[in-house]
């Protein structure tokens, strides 16, 4: 813990990046994408890290995706984290909506000792 508490914003600047990756099937078709960004932002007047990771694609013919956004103190303590995951399922019932989406969301603030989760 002493090491993490000694990390400051100047140390963190070496970790900033943006990158993306595209995944392909065996037939050379793009089937998904992953993008990650780590940046410094101001939150309540204090510098912090903003980590944003998003992925979407098709797994077994089913569209799905995940999004994670987190704000971290320079010592990497989580201030807040927001997580969304979805799976788009084909609806086998005869109705006007050919697909239904299952969405799982989570919002977490460890320093406030509470968590909100939902599944739709």
PDB file of N, CA and C in Angstrom:
ATOM      1  N   UNK A   1       0.819  -1.195   0.000  1.00  0.00           N
ATOM      2  CA  UNK A   1       0.000   0.000   0.000  1.00  0.00           C
ATOM      3  C   UNK A   1       0.857   1.251   0.000  1.00  0.00           C
ATOM      4  N   UNK A   2       2.011   1.193   0.619  1.00  0.00           N
ATOM      5  CA  UNK A   2       2.874   2.372   0.639  1.00  0.00           C
ATOM      6  C   UNK A   2       3.239   2.802  -0.777  1.00  0.00           C
ATOM      7  N   UNK A   3       3.535   1.801  -1.627  1.00  0.00           N
ATOM      8  CA  UNK A   3       3.886   2.137  -3.008  1.00  0.00           C
ATOM      9  C   UNK A   3       2.725   2.831  -3.710  1.00  0.00           C
ATOM     10  N   UNK A   4       1.514   2.268  -3.616  1.00  0.00           N
ATOM     11  CA  UNK A   4       0.360   2.865  -4.288  1.00  0.00           C
ATOM     12  C   UNK A   4       0.069   4.263  -3.762  1.00  0.00           C
ATOM     13  N   UNK A   5       0.239   4.467  -2.473  1.00  0.00           N
ATOM     14  CA  UNK A   5       0.010   5.793  -1.908  1.00  0.00           C
ATOM     15  C   UNK A   5       1.064   6.794  -2.340  1.00  0.00           C
ATOM     16  N   UNK A   6       2.221   6.308  -2.787  1.00  0.00           N
ATOM     17  CA  UNK A   6       3.276   7.223  -3.230  1.00  0.00           C
ATOM     18  C   UNK A   6       3.138   7.617  -4.700  1.00  0.00           C
ATOM     19  N   UNK A   7       2.256   6.950  -5.445  1.00  0.00           N
ATOM     20  CA  UNK A   7       2.066   7.250  -6.864  1.00  0.00           C
ATOM     21  C   UNK A   7       1.360   8.596  -6.992  1.00  0.00           C
ATOM     22  N   UNK A   8       1.893   9.468  -7.862  1.00  0.00           N
ATOM     23  CA  UNK A   8       1.235  10.752  -8.088  1.00  0.00           C
ATOM     24  C   UNK A   8       0.861  10.888  -9.560  1.00  0.00           C
ATOM     25  N   UNK A   9       0.249  11.996  -9.905  1.00  0.00           N
ATOM     26  CA  UNK A   9      -0.282  12.194 -11.249  1.00  0.00           C
ATOM     27  C   UNK A   9       0.831  12.193 -12.295  1.00  0.00           C
ATOM     28  N   UNK A  10       2.024  12.643 -11.942  1.00  0.00           N
ATOM     29  CA  UNK A  10       3.151  12.618 -12.892  1.00  0.00           C
ATOM     30  C   UNK A  10       3.538  11.186 -13.250  1.00  0.00           C
ATOM     31  N   UNK A  11       3.482  10.279 -12.274  1.00  0.00           N
ATOM     32  CA  UNK A  11       3.760   8.865 -12.548  1.00  0.00           C
ATOM     33  C   UNK A  11       2.708   8.277 -13.487  1.00  0.00           C
ATOM     34  N   UNK A  12       1.468   8.677 -13.264  1.00  0.00           N
ATOM     35  CA  UNK A  12       0.344   8.135 -14.030  1.00  0.00           C
ATOM     36  C   UNK A  12       0.392   8.582 -15.485  1.00  0.00           C
ATOM     37  N   UNK A  13       0.946   9.749 -15.762  1.00  0.00           N
ATOM     38  CA  UNK A  13       0.983  10.249 -17.144  1.00  0.00           C
ATOM     39  C   UNK A  13       1.691   9.287 -18.088  1.00  0.00           C
ATOM     40  N   UNK A  14       2.556   8.440 -17.563  1.00  0.00           N
ATOM     41  CA  UNK A  14       3.254   7.457 -18.392  1.00  0.00           C
ATOM     42  C   UNK A  14       2.333   6.312 -18.823  1.00  0.00           C
ATOM     43  N   UNK A  15       1.163   6.204 -18.199  1.00  0.00           N
ATOM     44  CA  UNK A  15       0.246   5.101 -18.472  1.00  0.00           C
ATOM     45  C   UNK A  15      -0.881   5.467 -19.431  1.00  0.00           C
ATOM     46  N   UNK A  16      -0.934   6.707 -19.898  1.00  0.00           N
ATOM     47  CA  UNK A  16      -2.047   7.163 -20.728  1.00  0.00           C
ATOM     48  C   UNK A  16      -1.935   6.582 -22.138  1.00  0.00           C
ATOM     49  N   UNK A  17      -3.052   6.094 -22.669  1.00  0.00           N
ATOM     50  CA  UNK A  17      -3.048   5.563 -24.028  1.00  0.00           C
ATOM     51  C   UNK A  17      -4.468   5.406 -24.553  1.00  0.00           C
ATOM     52  N   UNK A  18      -4.555   5.246 -25.848  1.00  0.00           N
ATOM     53  CA  UNK A  18      -5.790   4.882 -26.544  1.00  0.00           C
ATOM     54  C   UNK A  18      -5.410   3.795 -27.527  1.00  0.00           C
ATOM     55  N   UNK A  19      -6.205   2.733 -27.578  1.00  0.00           N
ATOM     56  CA  UNK A  19      -5.904   1.642 -28.495  1.00  0.00           C
ATOM     57  C   UNK A  19      -7.191   0.936 -28.886  1.00  0.00           C
ATOM     58  N   UNK A  20      -7.150   0.250 -29.999  1.00  0.00           N
ATOM     59  CA  UNK A  20      -8.310  -0.536 -30.422  1.00  0.00           C
ATOM     60  C   UNK A  20      -7.822  -1.794 -31.129  1.00  0.00           C
ATOM     61  N   UNK A  21      -8.691  -2.769 -31.145  1.00  0.00           N
ATOM     62  CA  UNK A  21      -8.385  -4.071 -31.723  1.00  0.00           C
ATOM     63  C   UNK A  21      -9.642  -4.575 -32.410  1.00  0.00           C
ATOM     64  N   UNK A  22      -9.488  -5.043 -33.634  1.00  0.00           N
ATOM     65  CA  UNK A  22     -10.607  -5.628 -34.366  1.00  0.00           C
ATOM     66  C   UNK A  22     -10.369  -7.132 -34.435  1.00  0.00           C
ATOM     67  N   UNK A  23     -11.416  -7.911 -34.151  1.00  0.00           N
ATOM     68  CA  UNK A  23     -11.299  -9.374 -34.236  1.00  0.00           C
ATOM     69  C   UNK A  23     -11.968  -9.861 -35.523  1.00  0.00           C
ATOM     70  N   UNK A  24     -11.364 -10.896 -36.115  1.00  0.00           N
ATOM     71  CA  UNK A  24     -11.853 -11.438 -37.372  1.00  0.00           C
ATOM     72  C   UNK A  24     -12.182 -12.916 -37.220  1.00  0.00           C
ATOM     73  N   UNK A  25     -13.136 -13.368 -38.020  1.00  0.00           N
ATOM     74  CA  UNK A  25     -13.497 -14.786 -38.046  1.00  0.00           C
ATOM     75  C   UNK A  25     -12.478 -15.535 -38.901  1.00  0.00           C
ATOM     76  N   UNK A  26     -12.596 -16.859 -38.908  1.00  0.00           N
ATOM     77  CA  UNK A  26     -11.741 -17.677 -39.765  1.00  0.00           C
ATOM     78  C   UNK A  26     -11.946 -17.354 -41.242  1.00  0.00           C
ATOM     79  N   UNK A  27     -13.127 -16.834 -41.568  1.00  0.00           N
ATOM     80  CA  UNK A  27     -13.448 -16.468 -42.957  1.00  0.00           C
ATOM     81  C   UNK A  27     -13.024 -15.033 -43.267  1.00  0.00           C
ATOM     82  N   UNK A  28     -12.274 -14.401 -42.370  1.00  0.00           N
ATOM     83  CA  UNK A  28     -11.739 -13.044 -42.547  1.00  0.00           C
ATOM     84  C   UNK A  28     -12.819 -11.958 -42.555  1.00  0.00           C
ATOM     85  N   UNK A  29     -13.880 -12.164 -41.765  1.00  0.00           N
ATOM     86  CA  UNK A  29     -14.916 -11.145 -41.584  1.00  0.00           C
ATOM     87  C   UNK A  29     -14.723 -10.509 -40.203  1.00  0.00           C
ATOM     88  N   UNK A  30     -14.849  -9.180 -40.122  1.00  0.00           N
ATOM     89  CA  UNK A  30     -14.774  -8.504 -38.825  1.00  0.00           C
ATOM     90  C   UNK A  30     -15.976  -8.932 -37.988  1.00  0.00           C
ATOM     91  N   UNK A  31     -15.726  -9.447 -36.781  1.00  0.00           N
ATOM     92  CA  UNK A  31     -16.810  -9.921 -35.916  1.00  0.00           C
ATOM     93  C   UNK A  31     -16.855  -9.191 -34.577  1.00  0.00           C
ATOM     94  N   UNK A  32     -15.923  -8.281 -34.355  1.00  0.00           N
ATOM     95  CA  UNK A  32     -15.946  -7.559 -33.086  1.00  0.00           C
ATOM     96  C   UNK A  32     -14.864  -6.514 -33.005  1.00  0.00           C
ATOM     97  N   UNK A  33     -14.984  -5.685 -31.976  1.00  0.00           N
ATOM     98  CA  UNK A  33     -14.008  -4.623 -31.766  1.00  0.00           C
ATOM     99  C   UNK A  33     -13.860  -4.364 -30.271  1.00  0.00           C
ATOM    100  N   UNK A  34     -12.643  -4.071 -29.865  1.00  0.00           N
ATOM    101  CA  UNK A  34     -12.331  -3.680 -28.493  1.00  0.00           C
ATOM    102  C   UNK A  34     -11.606  -2.347 -28.556  1.00  0.00           C
ATOM    103  N   UNK A  35     -12.042  -1.385 -27.765  1.00  0.00           N
ATOM    104  CA  UNK A  35     -11.333  -0.106 -27.682  1.00  0.00           C
ATOM    105  C   UNK A  35     -11.134   0.245 -26.208  1.00  0.00           C
ATOM    106  N   UNK A  36      -9.956   0.768 -25.910  1.00  0.00           N
ATOM    107  CA  UNK A  36      -9.601   1.132 -24.539  1.00  0.00           C
ATOM    108  C   UNK A  36      -8.947   2.505 -24.559  1.00  0.00           C
ATOM    109  N   UNK A  37      -9.349   3.346 -23.607  1.00  0.00           N
ATOM    110  CA  UNK A  37      -8.765   4.667 -23.450  1.00  0.00           C
ATOM    111  C   UNK A  37      -8.468   4.892 -21.974  1.00  0.00           C
ATOM    112  N   UNK A  38      -7.273   5.382 -21.679  1.00  0.00           N
ATOM    113  CA  UNK A  38      -6.901   5.791 -20.326  1.00  0.00           C
ATOM    114  C   UNK A  38      -6.437   7.244 -20.440  1.00  0.00           C
ATOM    115  N   UNK A  39      -7.092   8.141 -19.702  1.00  0.00           N
ATOM    116  CA  UNK A  39      -6.785   9.564 -19.797  1.00  0.00           C
ATOM    117  C   UNK A  39      -6.892  10.214 -18.423  1.00  0.00           C
ATOM    118  N   UNK A  40      -6.345  11.397 -18.301  1.00  0.00           N
ATOM    119  CA  UNK A  40      -6.465  12.172 -17.060  1.00  0.00           C
ATOM    120  C   UNK A  40      -7.581  13.188 -17.237  1.00  0.00           C
ATOM    121  N   UNK A  41      -8.482  13.233 -16.266  1.00  0.00           N
ATOM    122  CA  UNK A  41      -9.576  14.204 -16.255  1.00  0.00           C
ATOM    123  C   UNK A  41      -9.643  14.844 -14.874  1.00  0.00           C
ATOM    124  N   UNK A  42     -10.400  15.903 -14.772  1.00  0.00           N
ATOM    125  CA  UNK A  42     -10.618  16.543 -13.483  1.00  0.00           C
ATOM    126  C   UNK A  42     -11.976  16.113 -12.952  1.00  0.00           C
ATOM    127  N   UNK A  43     -12.009  15.695 -11.707  1.00  0.00           N
ATOM    128  CA  UNK A  43     -13.254  15.267 -11.070  1.00  0.00           C
ATOM    129  C   UNK A  43     -13.308  15.921  -9.703  1.00  0.00           C
ATOM    130  N   UNK A  44     -14.297  16.760  -9.501  1.00  0.00           N
ATOM    131  CA  UNK A  44     -14.469  17.517  -8.263  1.00  0.00           C
ATOM    132  C   UNK A  44     -13.177  18.295  -7.957  1.00  0.00           C
ATOM    133  N   UNK A  45     -12.617  18.884  -9.008  1.00  0.00           N
ATOM    134  CA  UNK A  45     -11.433  19.716  -8.845  1.00  0.00           C
ATOM    135  C   UNK A  45     -10.123  18.975  -8.636  1.00  0.00           C
ATOM    136  N   UNK A  46     -10.147  17.653  -8.674  1.00  0.00           N
ATOM    137  CA  UNK A  46      -8.942  16.852  -8.470  1.00  0.00           C
ATOM    138  C   UNK A  46      -8.652  16.028  -9.729  1.00  0.00           C
ATOM    139  N   UNK A  47      -7.369  15.888 -10.079  1.00  0.00           N
ATOM    140  CA  UNK A  47      -7.052  15.048 -11.241  1.00  0.00           C
ATOM    141  C   UNK A  47      -7.295  13.572 -10.913  1.00  0.00           C
ATOM    142  N   UNK A  48      -7.819  12.860 -11.892  1.00  0.00           N
ATOM    143  CA  UNK A  48      -8.009  11.425 -11.724  1.00  0.00           C
ATOM    144  C   UNK A  48      -7.899  10.754 -13.092  1.00  0.00           C
ATOM    145  N   UNK A  49      -7.823   9.454 -13.080  1.00  0.00           N
ATOM    146  CA  UNK A  49      -7.769   8.680 -14.312  1.00  0.00           C
ATOM    147  C   UNK A  49      -9.175   8.316 -14.750  1.00  0.00           C
ATOM    148  N   UNK A  50      -9.418   8.427 -16.040  1.00  0.00           N
ATOM    149  CA  UNK A  50     -10.650   7.943 -16.630  1.00  0.00           C
ATOM    150  C   UNK A  50     -10.272   6.754 -17.500  1.00  0.00           C
ATOM    151  N   UNK A  51     -10.784   5.575 -17.152  1.00  0.00           N
ATOM    152  CA  UNK A  51     -10.530   4.358 -17.910  1.00  0.00           C
ATOM    153  C   UNK A  51     -11.839   3.967 -18.576  1.00  0.00           C
ATOM    154  N   UNK A  52     -11.795   3.825 -19.904  1.00  0.00           N
ATOM    155  CA  UNK A  52     -12.985   3.490 -20.654  1.00  0.00           C
ATOM    156  C   UNK A  52     -12.656   2.313 -21.564  1.00  0.00           C
ATOM    157  N   UNK A  53     -13.378   1.213 -21.423  1.00  0.00           N
ATOM    158  CA  UNK A  53     -13.173   0.033 -22.261  1.00  0.00           C
ATOM    159  C   UNK A  53     -14.522  -0.394 -22.832  1.00  0.00           C
ATOM    160  N   UNK A  54     -14.566  -0.592 -24.136  1.00  0.00           N
ATOM    161  CA  UNK A  54     -15.791  -0.998 -24.818  1.00  0.00           C
ATOM    162  C   UNK A  54     -15.483  -2.146 -25.762  1.00  0.00           C
ATOM    163  N   UNK A  55     -16.348  -3.128 -25.765  1.00  0.00           N
ATOM    164  CA  UNK A  55     -16.214  -4.197 -26.746  1.00  0.00           C
ATOM    165  C   UNK A  55     -17.601  -4.546 -27.263  1.00  0.00           C
ATOM    166  N   UNK A  56     -17.638  -4.900 -28.518  1.00  0.00           N
ATOM    167  CA  UNK A  56     -18.884  -5.397 -29.094  1.00  0.00           C
ATOM    168  C   UNK A  56     -18.520  -6.364 -30.197  1.00  0.00           C
ATOM    169  N   UNK A  57     -19.398  -7.300 -30.415  1.00  0.00           N
ATOM    170  CA  UNK A  57     -19.121  -8.283 -31.446  1.00  0.00           C
ATOM    171  C   UNK A  57     -20.210  -9.314 -31.531  1.00  0.00           C
ATOM    172  N   UNK A  58     -19.865 -10.404 -32.182  1.00  0.00           N
ATOM    173  CA  UNK A  58     -20.794 -11.507 -32.376  1.00  0.00           C
ATOM    174  C   UNK A  58     -20.115 -12.770 -31.874  1.00  0.00           C
ATOM    175  N   UNK A  59     -20.755 -13.438 -30.929  1.00  0.00           N
ATOM    176  CA  UNK A  59     -20.235 -14.688 -30.376  1.00  0.00           C
ATOM    177  C   UNK A  59     -21.278 -15.769 -30.642  1.00  0.00           C
ATOM    178  N   UNK A  60     -20.904 -16.772 -31.394  1.00  0.00           N
ATOM    179  CA  UNK A  60     -21.849 -17.837 -31.722  1.00  0.00           C
ATOM    180  C   UNK A  60     -23.070 -17.327 -32.459  1.00  0.00           C
ATOM    181  N   UNK A  61     -22.898 -16.285 -33.269  1.00  0.00           N
ATOM    182  CA  UNK A  61     -23.999 -15.701 -34.013  1.00  0.00           C
ATOM    183  C   UNK A  61     -24.858 -14.740 -33.213  1.00  0.00           C
ATOM    184  N   UNK A  62     -24.493 -14.479 -31.968  1.00  0.00           N
ATOM    185  CA  UNK A  62     -25.282 -13.626 -31.082  1.00  0.00           C
ATOM    186  C   UNK A  62     -24.545 -12.302 -30.845  1.00  0.00           C
ATOM    187  N   UNK A  63     -25.161 -11.150 -31.218  1.00  0.00           N
ATOM    188  CA  UNK A  63     -24.539  -9.854 -30.943  1.00  0.00           C
ATOM    189  C   UNK A  63     -24.488  -9.591 -29.433  1.00  0.00           C
ATOM    190  N   UNK A  64     -23.343  -9.092 -28.972  1.00  0.00           N
ATOM    191  CA  UNK A  64     -23.190  -8.802 -27.548  1.00  0.00           C
ATOM    192  C   UNK A  64     -22.128  -7.719 -27.375  1.00  0.00           C
ATOM    193  N   UNK A  65     -22.074  -7.155 -26.179  1.00  0.00           N
ATOM    194  CA  UNK A  65     -21.078  -6.130 -25.913  1.00  0.00           C
ATOM    195  C   UNK A  65     -20.953  -5.813 -24.446  1.00  0.00           C
ATOM    196  N   UNK A  66     -19.859  -5.154 -24.119  1.00  0.00           N
ATOM    197  CA  UNK A  66     -19.560  -4.766 -22.746  1.00  0.00           C
ATOM    198  C   UNK A  66     -18.948  -3.374 -22.744  1.00  0.00           C
ATOM    199  N   UNK A  67     -19.307  -2.588 -21.756  1.00  0.00           N
ATOM    200  CA  UNK A  67     -18.736  -1.255 -21.589  1.00  0.00           C
ATOM    201  C   UNK A  67     -18.393  -1.069 -20.117  1.00  0.00           C
ATOM    202  N   UNK A  68     -17.162  -0.633 -19.847  1.00  0.00           N
ATOM    203  CA  UNK A  68     -16.728  -0.351 -18.481  1.00  0.00           C
ATOM    204  C   UNK A  68     -16.123   1.050 -18.462  1.00  0.00           C
ATOM    205  N   UNK A  69     -16.600   1.883 -17.565  1.00  0.00           N
ATOM    206  CA  UNK A  69     -16.050   3.216 -17.364  1.00  0.00           C
ATOM    207  C   UNK A  69     -15.712   3.347 -15.887  1.00  0.00           C
ATOM    208  N   UNK A  70     -14.498   3.799 -15.594  1.00  0.00           N
ATOM    209  CA  UNK A  70     -14.092   3.945 -14.193  1.00  0.00           C
ATOM    210  C   UNK A  70     -13.294   5.221 -14.005  1.00  0.00           C
ATOM    211  N   UNK A  71     -13.495   5.844 -12.853  1.00  0.00           N
ATOM    212  CA  UNK A  71     -12.678   6.977 -12.414  1.00  0.00           C
ATOM    213  C   UNK A  71     -11.808   6.480 -11.261  1.00  0.00           C
ATOM    214  N   UNK A  72     -10.501   6.720 -11.357  1.00  0.00           N
ATOM    215  CA  UNK A  72      -9.557   6.247 -10.356  1.00  0.00           C
ATOM    216  C   UNK A  72      -8.737   7.405  -9.817  1.00  0.00           C
ATOM    217  N   UNK A  73      -8.416   7.335  -8.530  1.00  0.00           N
ATOM    218  CA  UNK A  73      -7.470   8.285  -7.950  1.00  0.00           C
ATOM    219  C   UNK A  73      -6.080   7.971  -8.504  1.00  0.00           C
ATOM    220  N   UNK A  74      -5.131   8.903  -8.412  1.00  0.00           N
ATOM    221  CA  UNK A  74      -3.770   8.608  -8.882  1.00  0.00           C
ATOM    222  C   UNK A  74      -3.152   7.372  -8.224  1.00  0.00           C
ATOM    223  N   UNK A  75      -3.563   7.024  -7.004  1.00  0.00           N
ATOM    224  CA  UNK A  75      -3.032   5.817  -6.358  1.00  0.00           C
ATOM    225  C   UNK A  75      -3.807   4.564  -6.788  1.00  0.00           C
ATOM    226  N   UNK A  76      -4.650   4.706  -7.838  1.00  0.00           N
ATOM    227  CA  UNK A  76      -5.437   3.639  -8.456  1.00  0.00           C
ATOM    228  C   UNK A  76      -6.627   3.164  -7.621  1.00  0.00           C
ATOM    229  N   UNK A  77      -6.993   3.901  -6.596  1.00  0.00           N
ATOM    230  CA  UNK A  77      -8.214   3.605  -5.835  1.00  0.00           C
ATOM    231  C   UNK A  77      -9.422   3.974  -6.697  1.00  0.00           C
ATOM    232  N   UNK A  78     -10.402   3.081  -6.775  1.00  0.00           N
ATOM    233  CA  UNK A  78     -11.591   3.307  -7.590  1.00  0.00           C
ATOM    234  C   UNK A  78     -12.515   4.313  -6.923  1.00  0.00           C
ATOM    235  N   UNK A  79     -12.839   5.395  -7.654  1.00  0.00           N
ATOM    236  CA  UNK A  79     -13.821   6.361  -7.183  1.00  0.00           C
ATOM    237  C   UNK A  79     -15.228   5.942  -7.595  1.00  0.00           C
ATOM    238  N   UNK A  80     -15.358   5.504  -8.843  1.00  0.00           N
ATOM    239  CA  UNK A  80     -16.641   4.998  -9.323  1.00  0.00           C
ATOM    240  C   UNK A  80     -16.392   4.112 -10.528  1.00  0.00           C
ATOM    241  N   UNK A  81     -17.295   3.167 -10.714  1.00  0.00           N
ATOM    242  CA  UNK A  81     -17.193   2.252 -11.842  1.00  0.00           C
ATOM    243  C   UNK A  81     -18.592   1.991 -12.377  1.00  0.00           C
ATOM    244  N   UNK A  82     -18.732   2.092 -13.688  1.00  0.00           N
ATOM    245  CA  UNK A  82     -20.014   1.832 -14.338  1.00  0.00           C
ATOM    246  C   UNK A  82     -19.795   0.714 -15.351  1.00  0.00           C
ATOM    247  N   UNK A  83     -20.635  -0.313 -15.290  1.00  0.00           N
ATOM    248  CA  UNK A  83     -20.477  -1.496 -16.114  1.00  0.00           C
ATOM    249  C   UNK A  83     -21.811  -1.807 -16.798  1.00  0.00           C
ATOM    250  N   UNK A  84     -21.774  -1.961 -18.116  1.00  0.00           N
ATOM    251  CA  UNK A  84     -22.955  -2.372 -18.876  1.00  0.00           C
ATOM    252  C   UNK A  84     -22.574  -3.559 -19.745  1.00  0.00           C
ATOM    253  N   UNK A  85     -23.449  -4.531 -19.793  1.00  0.00           N
ATOM    254  CA  UNK A  85     -23.239  -5.678 -20.669  1.00  0.00           C
ATOM    255  C   UNK A  85     -24.569  -6.004 -21.324  1.00  0.00           C
ATOM    256  N   UNK A  86     -24.526  -6.311 -22.621  1.00  0.00           N
ATOM    257  CA  UNK A  86     -25.775  -6.658 -23.295  1.00  0.00           C
ATOM    258  C   UNK A  86     -25.588  -7.896 -24.168  1.00  0.00           C
ATOM    259  N   UNK A  87     -26.680  -8.597 -24.367  1.00  0.00           N
ATOM    260  CA  UNK A  87     -26.758  -9.737 -25.281  1.00  0.00           C
ATOM    261  C   UNK A  87     -28.070  -9.569 -26.038  1.00  0.00           C
ATOM    262  N   UNK A  88     -27.996  -9.587 -27.355  1.00  0.00           N
ATOM    263  CA  UNK A  88     -29.191  -9.418 -28.178  1.00  0.00           C
ATOM    264  C   UNK A  88     -29.654 -10.802 -28.631  1.00  0.00           C
ATOM    265  N   UNK A  89     -30.799 -11.229 -28.108  1.00  0.00           N
ATOM    266  CA  UNK A  89     -31.298 -12.575 -28.375  1.00  0.00           C
ATOM    267  C   UNK A  89     -32.421 -12.534 -29.386  1.00  0.00           C
ATOM    268  N   UNK A  90     -32.427 -13.508 -30.289  1.00  0.00           N
ATOM    269  CA  UNK A  90     -33.506 -13.593 -31.255  1.00  0.00           C
ATOM    270  C   UNK A  90     -34.767 -14.033 -30.532  1.00  0.00           C
ATOM    271  N   UNK A  91     -35.862 -13.335 -30.801  1.00  0.00           N
ATOM    272  CA  UNK A  91     -37.135 -13.624 -30.172  1.00  0.00           C
ATOM    273  C   UNK A  91     -37.864 -14.674 -31.021  1.00  0.00           C
ATOM    274  N   UNK A  92     -38.211 -15.807 -30.411  1.00  0.00           N
ATOM    275  CA  UNK A  92     -38.851 -16.887 -31.144  1.00  0.00           C
ATOM    276  C   UNK A  92     -40.374 -16.782 -31.139  1.00  0.00           C
ATOM    277  N   UNK A  93     -40.920 -15.765 -30.499  1.00  0.00           N
ATOM    278  CA  UNK A  93     -42.366 -15.575 -30.485  1.00  0.00           C
ATOM    279  C   UNK A  93     -42.765 -14.710 -31.676  1.00  0.00           C
ATOM    280  N   UNK A  94     -43.985 -14.897 -32.134  1.00  0.00           N
ATOM    281  CA  UNK A  94     -44.489 -14.091 -33.241  1.00  0.00           C
ATOM    282  C   UNK A  94     -44.952 -12.739 -32.695  1.00  0.00           C
ATOM    283  N   UNK A  95     -44.112 -11.725 -32.847  1.00  0.00           N
ATOM    284  CA  UNK A  95     -44.507 -10.371 -32.479  1.00  0.00           C
ATOM    285  C   UNK A  95     -43.778  -9.381 -33.376  1.00  0.00           C
ATOM    286  N   UNK A  96     -43.895  -8.133 -33.101  1.00  0.00           N
ATOM    287  CA  UNK A  96     -43.328  -7.099 -33.956  1.00  0.00           C
ATOM    288  C   UNK A  96     -41.855  -6.831 -33.674  1.00  0.00           C
ATOM    289  N   UNK A  97     -41.287  -7.426 -32.637  1.00  0.00           N
ATOM    290  CA  UNK A  97     -39.889  -7.187 -32.303  1.00  0.00           C
ATOM    291  C   UNK A  97     -39.099  -8.475 -32.546  1.00  0.00           C
ATOM    292  N   UNK A  98     -38.269  -8.500 -33.599  1.00  0.00           N
ATOM    293  CA  UNK A  98     -37.541  -9.732 -33.908  1.00  0.00           C
ATOM    294  C   UNK A  98     -36.426 -10.053 -32.914  1.00  0.00           C
ATOM    295  N   UNK A  99     -35.972  -9.062 -32.159  1.00  0.00           N
ATOM    296  CA  UNK A  99     -34.901  -9.282 -31.191  1.00  0.00           C
ATOM    297  C   UNK A  99     -35.288  -8.709 -29.844  1.00  0.00           C
ATOM    298  N   UNK A 100     -34.781  -9.303 -28.790  1.00  0.00           N
ATOM    299  CA  UNK A 100     -34.898  -8.699 -27.465  1.00  0.00           C
ATOM    300  C   UNK A 100     -33.487  -8.563 -26.911  1.00  0.00           C
ATOM    301  N   UNK A 101     -33.272  -7.542 -26.124  1.00  0.00           N
ATOM    302  CA  UNK A 101     -31.945  -7.273 -25.586  1.00  0.00           C
ATOM    303  C   UNK A 101     -31.961  -7.484 -24.086  1.00  0.00           C
ATOM    304  N   UNK A 102     -31.006  -8.249 -23.591  1.00  0.00           N
ATOM    305  CA  UNK A 102     -30.819  -8.436 -22.160  1.00  0.00           C
ATOM    306  C   UNK A 102     -29.676  -7.514 -21.763  1.00  0.00           C
ATOM    307  N   UNK A 103     -29.929  -6.625 -20.810  1.00  0.00           N
ATOM    308  CA  UNK A 103     -28.934  -5.643 -20.388  1.00  0.00           C
ATOM    309  C   UNK A 103     -28.661  -5.807 -18.902  1.00  0.00           C
ATOM    310  N   UNK A 104     -27.394  -5.935 -18.556  1.00  0.00           N
ATOM    311  CA  UNK A 104     -26.977  -5.973 -17.159  1.00  0.00           C
ATOM    312  C   UNK A 104     -26.183  -4.712 -16.907  1.00  0.00           C
ATOM    313  N   UNK A 105     -26.547  -3.963 -15.881  1.00  0.00           N
ATOM    314  CA  UNK A 105     -25.849  -2.725 -15.546  1.00  0.00           C
ATOM    315  C   UNK A 105     -25.439  -2.748 -14.092  1.00  0.00           C
ATOM    316  N   UNK A 106     -24.303  -2.148 -13.815  1.00  0.00           N
ATOM    317  CA  UNK A 106     -23.807  -2.063 -12.446  1.00  0.00           C
ATOM    318  C   UNK A 106     -23.156  -0.706 -12.257  1.00  0.00           C
ATOM    319  N   UNK A 107     -23.465  -0.050 -11.157  1.00  0.00           N
ATOM    320  CA  UNK A 107     -22.847   1.222 -10.799  1.00  0.00           C
ATOM    321  C   UNK A 107     -22.287   1.061  -9.398  1.00  0.00           C
ATOM    322  N   UNK A 108     -21.029   1.376  -9.215  1.00  0.00           N
ATOM    323  CA  UNK A 108     -20.372   1.110  -7.944  1.00  0.00           C
ATOM    324  C   UNK A 108     -19.557   2.318  -7.508  1.00  0.00           C
ATOM    325  N   UNK A 109     -19.724   2.730  -6.281  1.00  0.00           N
ATOM    326  CA  UNK A 109     -18.913   3.789  -5.673  1.00  0.00           C
ATOM    327  C   UNK A 109     -18.327   3.234  -4.380  1.00  0.00           C
ATOM    328  N   UNK A 110     -17.138   2.629  -4.440  1.00  0.00           N
ATOM    329  CA  UNK A 110     -16.576   1.995  -3.242  1.00  0.00           C
ATOM    330  C   UNK A 110     -16.382   2.948  -2.077  1.00  0.00           C
ATOM    331  N   UNK A 111     -16.002   4.189  -2.353  1.00  0.00           N
ATOM    332  CA  UNK A 111     -15.749   5.129  -1.253  1.00  0.00           C
ATOM    333  C   UNK A 111     -17.033   5.561  -0.562  1.00  0.00           C
ATOM    334  N   UNK A 112     -18.180   5.357  -1.217  1.00  0.00           N
ATOM    335  CA  UNK A 112     -19.465   5.674  -0.598  1.00  0.00           C
ATOM    336  C   UNK A 112     -20.156   4.429  -0.089  1.00  0.00           C
ATOM    337  N   UNK A 113     -19.514   3.271  -0.276  1.00  0.00           N
ATOM    338  CA  UNK A 113     -19.990   1.997   0.260  1.00  0.00           C
ATOM    339  C   UNK A 113     -21.397   1.649  -0.227  1.00  0.00           C
ATOM    340  N   UNK A 114     -21.652   1.820  -1.541  1.00  0.00           N
ATOM    341  CA  UNK A 114     -22.919   1.366  -2.074  1.00  0.00           C
ATOM    342  C   UNK A 114     -22.747   0.911  -3.509  1.00  0.00           C
ATOM    343  N   UNK A 115     -23.730   0.135  -3.965  1.00  0.00           N
ATOM    344  CA  UNK A 115     -23.677  -0.483  -5.286  1.00  0.00           C
ATOM    345  C   UNK A 115     -25.108  -0.619  -5.803  1.00  0.00           C
ATOM    346  N   UNK A 116     -25.297  -0.386  -7.081  1.00  0.00           N
ATOM    347  CA  UNK A 116     -26.599  -0.528  -7.728  1.00  0.00           C
ATOM    348  C   UNK A 116     -26.417  -1.470  -8.897  1.00  0.00           C
ATOM    349  N   UNK A 117     -27.245  -2.510  -8.962  1.00  0.00           N
ATOM    350  CA  UNK A 117     -27.182  -3.454 -10.066  1.00  0.00           C
ATOM    351  C   UNK A 117     -28.583  -3.648 -10.603  1.00  0.00           C
ATOM    352  N   UNK A 118     -28.671  -3.868 -11.916  1.00  0.00           N
ATOM    353  CA  UNK A 118     -29.966  -4.155 -12.504  1.00  0.00           C
ATOM    354  C   UNK A 118     -29.776  -5.077 -13.699  1.00  0.00           C
ATOM    355  N   UNK A 119     -30.828  -5.796 -14.013  1.00  0.00           N
ATOM    356  CA  UNK A 119     -30.821  -6.685 -15.164  1.00  0.00           C
ATOM    357  C   UNK A 119     -32.174  -6.515 -15.840  1.00  0.00           C
ATOM    358  N   UNK A 120     -32.169  -6.215 -17.137  1.00  0.00           N
ATOM    359  CA  UNK A 120     -33.408  -5.999 -17.886  1.00  0.00           C
ATOM    360  C   UNK A 120     -33.542  -7.043 -18.956  1.00  0.00           C
TER     361      UNK A 120
END
